[in-house]
Amino acid sequence: MAGRNRVVHLLRQLENAACSCPAHSQTFHQGSGHASCGRTTDYAFEMACSNIRYGEGVTREIGMDLQNLGARNVCLMTDRNLSRLPPVTAVLESLAKHGVTYKFYDRVRVEPTDDSFKDAIAFARESAFDAYIAVGGGSVIDTCKAANLYACHPEADFLDFVNAPIGKGKPVTGTVKPLIAVPTTAGTGSETTGVAIFDFEALKAKTGIASRAIRPMLGMVDPLHTLHMPPRVAANSGFDVLCHALESYTALPYNMRSPCPQPHQPPRLPGQQPGQRRLVPTRPAHRSQVHETGCERP
């Protein structure tokens, strides 16, 4: 307990020092939440994530899902290495089988930057896509989230939705198109989140966009795709999982975060939640439970 109190004390010191890292600080959060909830710290948390469909070979169903959605012009994003590997081949075969028209973008950069995001955004803005597919690791999925967001908000400046203090941190008030994520690694978890991370090169800083609006509609987790990961990528995925687990220890509990946010502006990074530190396996949602997305099985 003494060790935990020490960690909380250190994090409080960092918060008071106005840390500019958007991943571990809410000091940039502005609002009159103190008056609206009658206390100085948060009092509630909300859990939200994408629908997940899990199973060997489940990628073969993606064409059917897009057909059910009525998609007529789909944007498929991946990187150049993956474009020649079985995960992308499986998606392309499914799209062809179900007659889904698509355009292919394979210029995603591993560890994306603001420039690589902008390139993907420009590609997305050239066509009126009505759905998006991201096949790859976190870099691909995050890039596709950003492309979808800005293509649906053509009037927005790039920094409008980027987290403060680097960007303006504006809330996403409009809608985006359906995005189906097909992860090919086992560490990022990007298929379940509304966060897109990139390197802002001018400041040599890592930042991102955080909004539940850009969360994928569906994550298709096909364990067969992990068979094609290079050894180094597999090892890095393990470290990624480890770092996420460690963050559940170092993050402040949600009811110790301040200031208290306004109800319509929940904190983008809500802190540690009850039970978060327990390594309890969870069962993926049954496919019949994703009917609200238009992805139900016939």
C-alpha atoms as a PDB file:
ATOM      1  CA  MET A   1       0.000   0.000   0.000  1.00  0.00           C
ATOM      2  CA  ALA A   2       2.881   2.320   0.774  1.00  0.00           C
ATOM      3  CA  GLY A   3       4.240   1.755  -2.736  1.00  0.00           C
ATOM      4  CA  ARG A   4       0.897   2.627  -4.286  1.00  0.00           C
ATOM      5  CA  ASN A   5       0.593   5.795  -2.211  1.00  0.00           C
ATOM      6  CA  ARG A   6       4.052   6.764  -3.385  1.00  0.00           C
ATOM      7  CA  VAL A   7       3.024   6.309  -7.012  1.00  0.00           C
ATOM      8  CA  VAL A   8      -0.125   8.402  -6.500  1.00  0.00           C
ATOM      9  CA  HIS A   9       1.972  11.120  -4.826  1.00  0.00           C
ATOM     10  CA  LEU A  10       4.419  11.211  -7.751  1.00  0.00           C
ATOM     11  CA  LEU A  11       1.612  11.378 -10.299  1.00  0.00           C
ATOM     12  CA  ARG A  12       0.050  14.242  -8.369  1.00  0.00           C
ATOM     13  CA  GLN A  13       3.361  16.091  -8.545  1.00  0.00           C
ATOM     14  CA  LEU A  14       3.523  15.527 -12.293  1.00  0.00           C
ATOM     15  CA  GLU A  15      -0.027  16.768 -12.717  1.00  0.00           C
ATOM     16  CA  ASN A  16       0.709  19.902 -10.745  1.00  0.00           C
ATOM     17  CA  ALA A  17       3.774  20.479 -12.918  1.00  0.00           C
ATOM     18  CA  ALA A  18       1.440  20.832 -15.938  1.00  0.00           C
ATOM     19  CA  CYS A  19       2.817  17.881 -17.867  1.00  0.00           C
ATOM     20  CA  SER A  20       2.034  18.398 -21.562  1.00  0.00           C
ATOM     21  CA  CYS A  21       1.852  14.698 -22.415  1.00  0.00           C
ATOM     22  CA  PRO A  22      -1.747  14.071 -23.558  1.00  0.00           C
ATOM     23  CA  ALA A  23      -1.548  10.382 -22.640  1.00  0.00           C
ATOM     24  CA  HIS A  24      -0.904  10.945 -18.923  1.00  0.00           C
ATOM     25  CA  SER A  25      -2.278  14.370 -18.137  1.00  0.00           C
ATOM     26  CA  GLN A  26      -5.682  15.973 -18.003  1.00  0.00           C
ATOM     27  CA  THR A  27      -4.298  19.384 -17.082  1.00  0.00           C
ATOM     28  CA  PHE A  28      -5.298  20.717 -20.487  1.00  0.00           C
ATOM     29  CA  HIS A  29      -8.961  19.868 -19.851  1.00  0.00           C
ATOM     30  CA  GLN A  30     -11.009  23.010 -19.584  1.00  0.00           C
ATOM     31  CA  GLY A  31     -14.560  23.400 -18.410  1.00  0.00           C
ATOM     32  CA  SER A  32     -16.780  24.400 -15.542  1.00  0.00           C
ATOM     33  CA  GLY A  33     -17.167  20.865 -14.280  1.00  0.00           C
ATOM     34  CA  HIS A  34     -16.615  21.851 -10.657  1.00  0.00           C
ATOM     35  CA  ALA A  35     -19.957  23.581 -10.470  1.00  0.00           C
ATOM     36  CA  SER A  36     -21.826  20.997 -12.520  1.00  0.00           C
ATOM     37  CA  CYS A  37     -21.014  17.988 -10.333  1.00  0.00           C
ATOM     38  CA  GLY A  38     -20.401  19.644  -6.973  1.00  0.00           C
ATOM     39  CA  ARG A  39     -16.981  18.093  -6.401  1.00  0.00           C
ATOM     40  CA  THR A  40     -13.411  18.547  -7.551  1.00  0.00           C
ATOM     41  CA  THR A  41     -12.711  15.010  -8.776  1.00  0.00           C
ATOM     42  CA  ASP A  42     -14.517  12.703 -11.161  1.00  0.00           C
ATOM     43  CA  TYR A  43     -17.210  10.418  -9.786  1.00  0.00           C
ATOM     44  CA  ALA A  44     -18.098   8.068 -12.657  1.00  0.00           C
ATOM     45  CA  PHE A  45     -16.535   6.049 -15.416  1.00  0.00           C
ATOM     46  CA  GLU A  46     -17.885   4.622 -18.625  1.00  0.00           C
ATOM     47  CA  MET A  47     -16.664   1.567 -20.501  1.00  0.00           C
ATOM     48  CA  ALA A  48     -17.120   1.583 -24.264  1.00  0.00           C
ATOM     49  CA  CYS A  49     -15.417  -0.402 -26.997  1.00  0.00           C
ATOM     50  CA  SER A  50     -15.998  -1.827 -30.441  1.00  0.00           C
ATOM     51  CA  ASN A  51     -17.905  -4.987 -31.182  1.00  0.00           C
ATOM     52  CA  ILE A  52     -15.459  -7.864 -31.561  1.00  0.00           C
ATOM     53  CA  ARG A  53     -15.881 -10.918 -33.736  1.00  0.00           C
ATOM     54  CA  TYR A  54     -13.302 -13.613 -33.005  1.00  0.00           C
ATOM     55  CA  GLY A  55     -12.521 -16.842 -34.799  1.00  0.00           C
ATOM     56  CA  GLU A  56     -10.144 -18.613 -37.163  1.00  0.00           C
ATOM     57  CA  GLY A  57     -10.895 -17.544 -40.713  1.00  0.00           C
ATOM     58  CA  VAL A  58     -13.458 -14.934 -39.659  1.00  0.00           C
ATOM     59  CA  THR A  59     -11.906 -12.457 -42.111  1.00  0.00           C
ATOM     60  CA  ARG A  60     -13.693 -14.280 -44.929  1.00  0.00           C
ATOM     61  CA  GLU A  61     -16.955 -12.742 -43.683  1.00  0.00           C
ATOM     62  CA  ILE A  62     -15.947  -9.125 -44.229  1.00  0.00           C
ATOM     63  CA  GLY A  63     -17.388  -8.947 -47.733  1.00  0.00           C
ATOM     64  CA  MET A  64     -20.758 -10.122 -46.430  1.00  0.00           C
ATOM     65  CA  ASP A  65     -20.682  -7.500 -43.676  1.00  0.00           C
ATOM     66  CA  LEU A  66     -20.041  -4.689 -46.137  1.00  0.00           C
ATOM     67  CA  GLN A  67     -22.709  -6.017 -48.453  1.00  0.00           C
ATOM     68  CA  ASN A  68     -25.174  -5.988 -45.538  1.00  0.00           C
ATOM     69  CA  LEU A  69     -24.202  -2.386 -44.843  1.00  0.00           C
ATOM     70  CA  GLY A  70     -24.945  -1.459 -48.446  1.00  0.00           C
ATOM     71  CA  ALA A  71     -21.394  -0.208 -48.974  1.00  0.00           C
ATOM     72  CA  ARG A  72     -20.711   0.709 -52.603  1.00  0.00           C
ATOM     73  CA  ASN A  73     -17.327   2.414 -52.399  1.00  0.00           C
ATOM     74  CA  VAL A  74     -14.944   1.075 -49.749  1.00  0.00           C
ATOM     75  CA  CYS A  75     -11.507   2.340 -48.745  1.00  0.00           C
ATOM     76  CA  LEU A  76      -9.076  -0.469 -47.860  1.00  0.00           C
ATOM     77  CA  MET A  77      -5.960   0.654 -45.979  1.00  0.00           C
ATOM     78  CA  THR A  78      -2.841  -1.350 -45.152  1.00  0.00           C
ATOM     79  CA  ASP A  79       0.949  -1.018 -45.443  1.00  0.00           C
ATOM     80  CA  ARG A  80       3.234  -2.181 -48.239  1.00  0.00           C
ATOM     81  CA  ASN A  81       4.568  -5.203 -46.365  1.00  0.00           C
ATOM     82  CA  LEU A  82       1.118  -6.503 -45.465  1.00  0.00           C
ATOM     83  CA  SER A  83      -0.242  -5.863 -48.944  1.00  0.00           C
ATOM     84  CA  ARG A  84       1.566  -9.015 -50.135  1.00  0.00           C
ATOM     85  CA  LEU A  85       0.589 -11.243 -47.204  1.00  0.00           C
ATOM     86  CA  PRO A  86      -2.375 -13.599 -46.576  1.00  0.00           C
ATOM     87  CA  PRO A  87      -4.396 -11.267 -44.272  1.00  0.00           C
ATOM     88  CA  VAL A  88      -4.885  -8.728 -47.059  1.00  0.00           C
ATOM     89  CA  THR A  89      -5.401 -11.497 -49.606  1.00  0.00           C
ATOM     90  CA  ALA A  90      -8.210 -12.936 -47.484  1.00  0.00           C
ATOM     91  CA  VAL A  91      -9.943  -9.539 -47.351  1.00  0.00           C
ATOM     92  CA  LEU A  92      -9.584  -8.957 -51.095  1.00  0.00           C
ATOM     93  CA  GLU A  93     -10.986 -12.398 -51.896  1.00  0.00           C
ATOM     94  CA  SER A  94     -14.000 -11.780 -49.660  1.00  0.00           C
ATOM     95  CA  LEU A  95     -14.669  -8.382 -51.242  1.00  0.00           C
ATOM     96  CA  ALA A  96     -14.479  -9.892 -54.727  1.00  0.00           C
ATOM     97  CA  LYS A  97     -16.767 -12.775 -53.766  1.00  0.00           C
ATOM     98  CA  HIS A  98     -19.480 -10.394 -52.572  1.00  0.00           C
ATOM     99  CA  GLY A  99     -19.029  -7.842 -55.342  1.00  0.00           C
ATOM    100  CA  VAL A 100     -17.850  -4.997 -53.107  1.00  0.00           C
ATOM    101  CA  THR A 101     -16.141  -2.140 -54.954  1.00  0.00           C
ATOM    102  CA  TYR A 102     -13.062  -0.748 -53.222  1.00  0.00           C
ATOM    103  CA  LYS A 103      -9.973   1.412 -53.600  1.00  0.00           C
ATOM    104  CA  PHE A 104      -6.636   0.303 -52.196  1.00  0.00           C
ATOM    105  CA  TYR A 105      -4.228   2.413 -50.130  1.00  0.00           C
ATOM    106  CA  ASP A 106      -0.957   0.790 -49.015  1.00  0.00           C
ATOM    107  CA  ARG A 107       1.171   3.809 -48.099  1.00  0.00           C
ATOM    108  CA  VAL A 108       0.558   3.634 -44.344  1.00  0.00           C
ATOM    109  CA  ARG A 109       3.734   4.339 -42.422  1.00  0.00           C
ATOM    110  CA  VAL A 110       4.721   2.188 -39.461  1.00  0.00           C
ATOM    111  CA  GLU A 111       4.762   4.594 -36.502  1.00  0.00           C
ATOM    112  CA  PRO A 112       2.741   7.224 -38.376  1.00  0.00           C
ATOM    113  CA  THR A 113       3.522  10.914 -38.407  1.00  0.00           C
ATOM    114  CA  ASP A 114       1.393  13.967 -39.046  1.00  0.00           C
ATOM    115  CA  ASP A 115       2.625  13.929 -42.665  1.00  0.00           C
ATOM    116  CA  SER A 116       1.692  10.273 -43.199  1.00  0.00           C
ATOM    117  CA  PHE A 117      -1.730  10.930 -41.643  1.00  0.00           C
ATOM    118  CA  LYS A 118      -2.222  13.863 -44.021  1.00  0.00           C
ATOM    119  CA  ASP A 119      -1.316  11.711 -47.023  1.00  0.00           C
ATOM    120  CA  ALA A 120      -3.947   9.128 -46.059  1.00  0.00           C
ATOM    121  CA  ILE A 121      -6.481  11.894 -45.398  1.00  0.00           C
ATOM    122  CA  ALA A 122      -5.863  13.365 -48.856  1.00  0.00           C
ATOM    123  CA  PHE A 123      -6.466   9.930 -50.410  1.00  0.00           C
ATOM    124  CA  ALA A 124      -9.708   9.510 -48.473  1.00  0.00           C
ATOM    125  CA  ARG A 125     -10.948  12.961 -49.447  1.00  0.00           C
ATOM    126  CA  GLU A 126     -10.511  12.202 -53.150  1.00  0.00           C
ATOM    127  CA  SER A 127     -13.393   9.719 -53.138  1.00  0.00           C
ATOM    128  CA  ALA A 128     -16.762   9.575 -51.465  1.00  0.00           C
ATOM    129  CA  PHE A 129     -16.094   6.421 -49.462  1.00  0.00           C
ATOM    130  CA  ASP A 130     -19.033   5.001 -47.560  1.00  0.00           C
ATOM    131  CA  ALA A 131     -17.030   2.490 -45.485  1.00  0.00           C
ATOM    132  CA  TYR A 132     -13.436   1.828 -44.432  1.00  0.00           C
ATOM    133  CA  ILE A 133     -11.367  -1.299 -43.804  1.00  0.00           C
ATOM    134  CA  ALA A 134      -8.059  -1.255 -41.913  1.00  0.00           C
ATOM    135  CA  VAL A 135      -5.916  -4.385 -42.228  1.00  0.00           C
ATOM    136  CA  GLY A 136      -2.802  -4.252 -40.082  1.00  0.00           C
ATOM    137  CA  GLY A 137      -1.417  -3.304 -36.715  1.00  0.00           C
ATOM    138  CA  GLY A 138      -2.001  -0.167 -34.710  1.00  0.00           C
ATOM    139  CA  SER A 139      -0.338   2.096 -37.269  1.00  0.00           C
ATOM    140  CA  VAL A 140      -2.721   1.036 -40.023  1.00  0.00           C
ATOM    141  CA  ILE A 141      -5.844   1.134 -37.854  1.00  0.00           C
ATOM    142  CA  ASP A 142      -4.965   4.541 -36.376  1.00  0.00           C
ATOM    143  CA  THR A 143      -4.224   5.971 -39.824  1.00  0.00           C
ATOM    144  CA  CYS A 144      -7.546   4.709 -41.133  1.00  0.00           C
ATOM    145  CA  LYS A 145      -9.387   6.269 -38.179  1.00  0.00           C
ATOM    146  CA  ALA A 146      -7.836   9.653 -38.965  1.00  0.00           C
ATOM    147  CA  ALA A 147      -8.547   9.367 -42.693  1.00  0.00           C
ATOM    148  CA  ASN A 148     -12.179   8.523 -42.007  1.00  0.00           C
ATOM    149  CA  LEU A 149     -12.557  11.395 -39.529  1.00  0.00           C
ATOM    150  CA  TYR A 150     -11.108  14.151 -41.696  1.00  0.00           C
ATOM    151  CA  ALA A 151     -12.713  12.912 -44.918  1.00  0.00           C
ATOM    152  CA  CYS A 152     -16.072  13.291 -43.147  1.00  0.00           C
ATOM    153  CA  HIS A 153     -15.085  16.760 -41.903  1.00  0.00           C
ATOM    154  CA  PRO A 154     -13.564  18.400 -45.001  1.00  0.00           C
ATOM    155  CA  GLU A 155     -13.749  21.865 -43.452  1.00  0.00           C
ATOM    156  CA  ALA A 156     -11.580  20.882 -40.468  1.00  0.00           C
ATOM    157  CA  ASP A 157      -7.972  21.925 -40.070  1.00  0.00           C
ATOM    158  CA  PHE A 158      -5.652  19.051 -39.169  1.00  0.00           C
ATOM    159  CA  LEU A 159      -4.984  20.364 -35.665  1.00  0.00           C
ATOM    160  CA  ASP A 160      -8.670  20.867 -34.866  1.00  0.00           C
ATOM    161  CA  PHE A 161      -9.164  17.358 -33.465  1.00  0.00           C
ATOM    162  CA  VAL A 162      -5.605  16.729 -32.257  1.00  0.00           C
ATOM    163  CA  ASN A 163      -5.290  16.549 -28.477  1.00  0.00           C
ATOM    164  CA  ALA A 164      -4.317  19.730 -26.650  1.00  0.00           C
ATOM    165  CA  PRO A 165      -1.852  21.265 -25.988  1.00  0.00           C
ATOM    166  CA  ILE A 166      -0.401  20.411 -29.422  1.00  0.00           C
ATOM    167  CA  GLY A 167      -3.762  20.647 -31.161  1.00  0.00           C
ATOM    168  CA  LYS A 168      -7.049  22.377 -30.424  1.00  0.00           C
ATOM    169  CA  GLY A 169      -8.746  19.299 -28.972  1.00  0.00           C
ATOM    170  CA  LYS A 170     -12.128  20.134 -30.466  1.00  0.00           C
ATOM    171  CA  PRO A 171     -14.892  17.572 -29.898  1.00  0.00           C
ATOM    172  CA  VAL A 172     -16.072  15.568 -32.886  1.00  0.00           C
ATOM    173  CA  THR A 173     -19.677  16.607 -33.371  1.00  0.00           C
ATOM    174  CA  GLY A 174     -20.341  15.095 -36.813  1.00  0.00           C
ATOM    175  CA  THR A 175     -20.636  11.480 -37.902  1.00  0.00           C
ATOM    176  CA  VAL A 176     -18.069   9.293 -39.600  1.00  0.00           C
ATOM    177  CA  LYS A 177     -18.387   6.292 -41.902  1.00  0.00           C
ATOM    178  CA  PRO A 178     -18.362   2.672 -40.660  1.00  0.00           C
ATOM    179  CA  LEU A 179     -14.849   1.317 -40.099  1.00  0.00           C
ATOM    180  CA  ILE A 180     -14.037  -2.380 -39.803  1.00  0.00           C
ATOM    181  CA  ALA A 181     -10.629  -3.143 -38.306  1.00  0.00           C
ATOM    182  CA  VAL A 182      -8.793  -6.386 -39.052  1.00  0.00           C
ATOM    183  CA  PRO A 183      -5.815  -6.492 -36.655  1.00  0.00           C
ATOM    184  CA  THR A 184      -2.795  -8.520 -37.719  1.00  0.00           C
ATOM    185  CA  THR A 185      -0.879  -8.188 -34.447  1.00  0.00           C
ATOM    186  CA  ALA A 186      -1.873  -9.085 -30.903  1.00  0.00           C
ATOM    187  CA  GLY A 187      -0.722  -6.106 -28.883  1.00  0.00           C
ATOM    188  CA  THR A 188      -2.183  -2.804 -30.009  1.00  0.00           C
ATOM    189  CA  GLY A 189      -5.871  -3.094 -29.117  1.00  0.00           C
ATOM    190  CA  SER A 190      -6.530  -0.246 -31.552  1.00  0.00           C
ATOM    191  CA  GLU A 191      -9.492  -2.148 -32.985  1.00  0.00           C
ATOM    192  CA  THR A 192     -11.373  -1.412 -29.736  1.00  0.00           C
ATOM    193  CA  THR A 193     -10.490   2.230 -29.056  1.00  0.00           C
ATOM    194  CA  GLY A 194     -11.300   5.719 -30.270  1.00  0.00           C
ATOM    195  CA  VAL A 195      -7.669   6.819 -30.197  1.00  0.00           C
ATOM    196  CA  ALA A 196      -5.291   7.428 -33.118  1.00  0.00           C
ATOM    197  CA  ILE A 197      -1.637   8.038 -32.195  1.00  0.00           C
ATOM    198  CA  PHE A 198       1.016   9.717 -34.335  1.00  0.00           C
ATOM    199  CA  ASP A 199       4.333  11.579 -34.126  1.00  0.00           C
ATOM    200  CA  PHE A 200       4.066  15.333 -34.548  1.00  0.00           C
ATOM    201  CA  GLU A 201       7.413  15.873 -36.226  1.00  0.00           C
ATOM    202  CA  ALA A 202       7.703  19.633 -35.833  1.00  0.00           C
ATOM    203  CA  LEU A 203       7.800  19.275 -32.043  1.00  0.00           C
ATOM    204  CA  LYS A 204       9.248  15.743 -31.971  1.00  0.00           C
ATOM    205  CA  ALA A 205       6.320  14.746 -29.802  1.00  0.00           C
ATOM    206  CA  LYS A 206       3.906  11.837 -29.775  1.00  0.00           C
ATOM    207  CA  THR A 207       0.278  12.875 -29.579  1.00  0.00           C
ATOM    208  CA  GLY A 208      -3.012  11.775 -31.049  1.00  0.00           C
ATOM    209  CA  ILE A 209      -6.726  12.146 -31.616  1.00  0.00           C
ATOM    210  CA  ALA A 210      -9.113  10.788 -29.002  1.00  0.00           C
ATOM    211  CA  SER A 211     -12.837  10.513 -29.602  1.00  0.00           C
ATOM    212  CA  ARG A 212     -15.321   7.681 -29.324  1.00  0.00           C
ATOM    213  CA  ALA A 213     -16.635   8.843 -32.718  1.00  0.00           C
ATOM    214  CA  ILE A 214     -13.643   7.294 -34.512  1.00  0.00           C
ATOM    215  CA  ARG A 215     -13.839   3.928 -32.768  1.00  0.00           C
ATOM    216  CA  PRO A 216     -14.167   1.059 -35.283  1.00  0.00           C
ATOM    217  CA  MET A 217     -17.664  -0.289 -35.723  1.00  0.00           C
ATOM    218  CA  LEU A 218     -16.327  -3.843 -35.675  1.00  0.00           C
ATOM    219  CA  GLY A 219     -13.015  -5.529 -34.925  1.00  0.00           C
ATOM    220  CA  MET A 220     -12.522  -8.828 -36.764  1.00  0.00           C
ATOM    221  CA  VAL A 221      -9.960 -10.720 -34.696  1.00  0.00           C
ATOM    222  CA  ASP A 222      -8.672 -13.622 -36.763  1.00  0.00           C
ATOM    223  CA  PRO A 223      -5.914 -15.493 -34.874  1.00  0.00           C
ATOM    224  CA  LEU A 224      -4.638 -16.967 -38.156  1.00  0.00           C
ATOM    225  CA  HIS A 225      -3.199 -13.557 -39.033  1.00  0.00           C
ATOM    226  CA  THR A 226      -0.714 -13.713 -36.164  1.00  0.00           C
ATOM    227  CA  LEU A 227       0.971 -16.673 -37.902  1.00  0.00           C
ATOM    228  CA  HIS A 228       2.425 -14.252 -40.421  1.00  0.00           C
ATOM    229  CA  MET A 229       4.016 -11.858 -37.933  1.00  0.00           C
ATOM    230  CA  PRO A 230       7.827 -11.615 -38.081  1.00  0.00           C
ATOM    231  CA  PRO A 231       9.503 -12.699 -34.808  1.00  0.00           C
ATOM    232  CA  ARG A 232      10.406  -9.127 -33.900  1.00  0.00           C
ATOM    233  CA  VAL A 233       6.830  -7.914 -34.411  1.00  0.00           C
ATOM    234  CA  ALA A 234       5.536 -10.795 -32.275  1.00  0.00           C
ATOM    235  CA  ALA A 235       7.976  -9.873 -29.495  1.00  0.00           C
ATOM    236  CA  ASN A 236       7.068  -6.178 -29.715  1.00  0.00           C
ATOM    237  CA  SER A 237       3.385  -7.096 -29.477  1.00  0.00           C
ATOM    238  CA  GLY A 238       4.127  -8.846 -26.185  1.00  0.00           C
ATOM    239  CA  PHE A 239       5.868  -5.758 -24.838  1.00  0.00           C
ATOM    240  CA  ASP A 240       2.927  -3.664 -26.003  1.00  0.00           C
ATOM    241  CA  VAL A 241       0.558  -5.808 -23.934  1.00  0.00           C
ATOM    242  CA  LEU A 242       2.913  -5.593 -20.953  1.00  0.00           C
ATOM    243  CA  CYS A 243       3.040  -1.790 -21.154  1.00  0.00           C
ATOM    244  CA  HIS A 244      -0.749  -1.554 -21.320  1.00  0.00           C
ATOM    245  CA  ALA A 245      -0.970  -3.777 -18.241  1.00  0.00           C
ATOM    246  CA  LEU A 246       1.563  -1.661 -16.360  1.00  0.00           C
ATOM    247  CA  GLU A 247      -0.431   1.463 -17.165  1.00  0.00           C
ATOM    248  CA  SER A 248      -3.339   0.024 -15.204  1.00  0.00           C
ATOM    249  CA  TYR A 249      -1.102   0.225 -12.123  1.00  0.00           C
ATOM    250  CA  THR A 250       0.378   3.667 -12.761  1.00  0.00           C
ATOM    251  CA  ALA A 251      -2.826   5.436 -13.870  1.00  0.00           C
ATOM    252  CA  LEU A 252      -4.649   7.405 -11.211  1.00  0.00           C
ATOM    253  CA  PRO A 253      -8.002   5.881 -10.208  1.00  0.00           C
ATOM    254  CA  TYR A 254     -10.865   7.581 -12.020  1.00  0.00           C
ATOM    255  CA  ASN A 255     -12.257   9.051  -8.762  1.00  0.00           C
ATOM    256  CA  MET A 256      -8.953  10.766  -8.011  1.00  0.00           C
ATOM    257  CA  ARG A 257      -8.732  12.590 -11.336  1.00  0.00           C
ATOM    258  CA  SER A 258      -9.390  16.314 -11.393  1.00  0.00           C
ATOM    259  CA  PRO A 259     -11.024  18.548 -12.391  1.00  0.00           C
ATOM    260  CA  CYS A 260     -14.467  16.981 -12.408  1.00  0.00           C
ATOM    261  CA  PRO A 261     -15.549  17.020 -16.083  1.00  0.00           C
ATOM    262  CA  GLN A 262     -18.854  18.163 -17.440  1.00  0.00           C
ATOM    263  CA  PRO A 263     -21.210  15.259 -18.180  1.00  0.00           C
ATOM    264  CA  HIS A 264     -21.247  15.993 -21.920  1.00  0.00           C
ATOM    265  CA  GLN A 265     -17.433  16.152 -22.020  1.00  0.00           C
ATOM    266  CA  PRO A 266     -16.120  13.009 -20.302  1.00  0.00           C
ATOM    267  CA  PRO A 267     -12.320  12.797 -20.046  1.00  0.00           C
ATOM    268  CA  ARG A 268     -10.797  11.141 -23.083  1.00  0.00           C
ATOM    269  CA  LEU A 269      -8.481   9.100 -20.867  1.00  0.00           C
ATOM    270  CA  PRO A 270     -10.553   8.276 -17.784  1.00  0.00           C
ATOM    271  CA  GLY A 271      -7.941   6.662 -15.547  1.00  0.00           C
ATOM    272  CA  GLN A 272      -7.913   3.389 -13.644  1.00  0.00           C
ATOM    273  CA  GLN A 273     -11.270   1.657 -13.287  1.00  0.00           C
ATOM    274  CA  PRO A 274     -12.475  -0.961 -10.790  1.00  0.00           C
ATOM    275  CA  GLY A 275     -11.205  -4.439 -11.594  1.00  0.00           C
ATOM    276  CA  GLN A 276      -8.821  -3.125 -14.252  1.00  0.00           C
ATOM    277  CA  ARG A 277      -5.812  -4.704 -12.575  1.00  0.00           C
ATOM    278  CA  ARG A 278      -7.318  -8.171 -12.546  1.00  0.00           C
ATOM    279  CA  LEU A 279      -6.156 -10.384 -15.371  1.00  0.00           C
ATOM    280  CA  VAL A 280      -9.554 -11.964 -16.016  1.00  0.00           C
ATOM    281  CA  PRO A 281     -10.074 -13.466 -19.480  1.00  0.00           C
ATOM    282  CA  THR A 282     -13.200 -12.227 -21.206  1.00  0.00           C
ATOM    283  CA  ARG A 283     -15.259 -14.015 -23.806  1.00  0.00           C
ATOM    284  CA  PRO A 284     -15.651 -12.182 -27.113  1.00  0.00           C
ATOM    285  CA  ALA A 285     -19.156 -11.100 -28.015  1.00  0.00           C
ATOM    286  CA  HIS A 286     -21.172 -13.701 -29.878  1.00  0.00           C
ATOM    287  CA  ARG A 287     -21.768 -12.748 -33.485  1.00  0.00           C
ATOM    288  CA  SER A 288     -25.501 -12.490 -32.897  1.00  0.00           C
ATOM    289  CA  GLN A 289     -24.778  -9.641 -30.454  1.00  0.00           C
ATOM    290  CA  VAL A 290     -23.530  -7.251 -33.138  1.00  0.00           C
ATOM    291  CA  HIS A 291     -26.807  -6.916 -35.013  1.00  0.00           C
ATOM    292  CA  GLU A 292     -27.028  -3.214 -34.324  1.00  0.00           C
ATOM    293  CA  THR A 293     -24.021  -2.616 -36.612  1.00  0.00           C
ATOM    294  CA  GLY A 294     -25.624  -4.173 -39.650  1.00  0.00           C
ATOM    295  CA  CYS A 295     -23.150  -7.046 -39.469  1.00  0.00           C
ATOM    296  CA  GLU A 296     -25.510  -9.792 -38.497  1.00  0.00           C
ATOM    297  CA  ARG A 297     -25.128 -13.251 -40.012  1.00  0.00           C
ATOM    298  CA  PRO A 298     -27.886 -14.420 -42.369  1.00  0.00           C
END
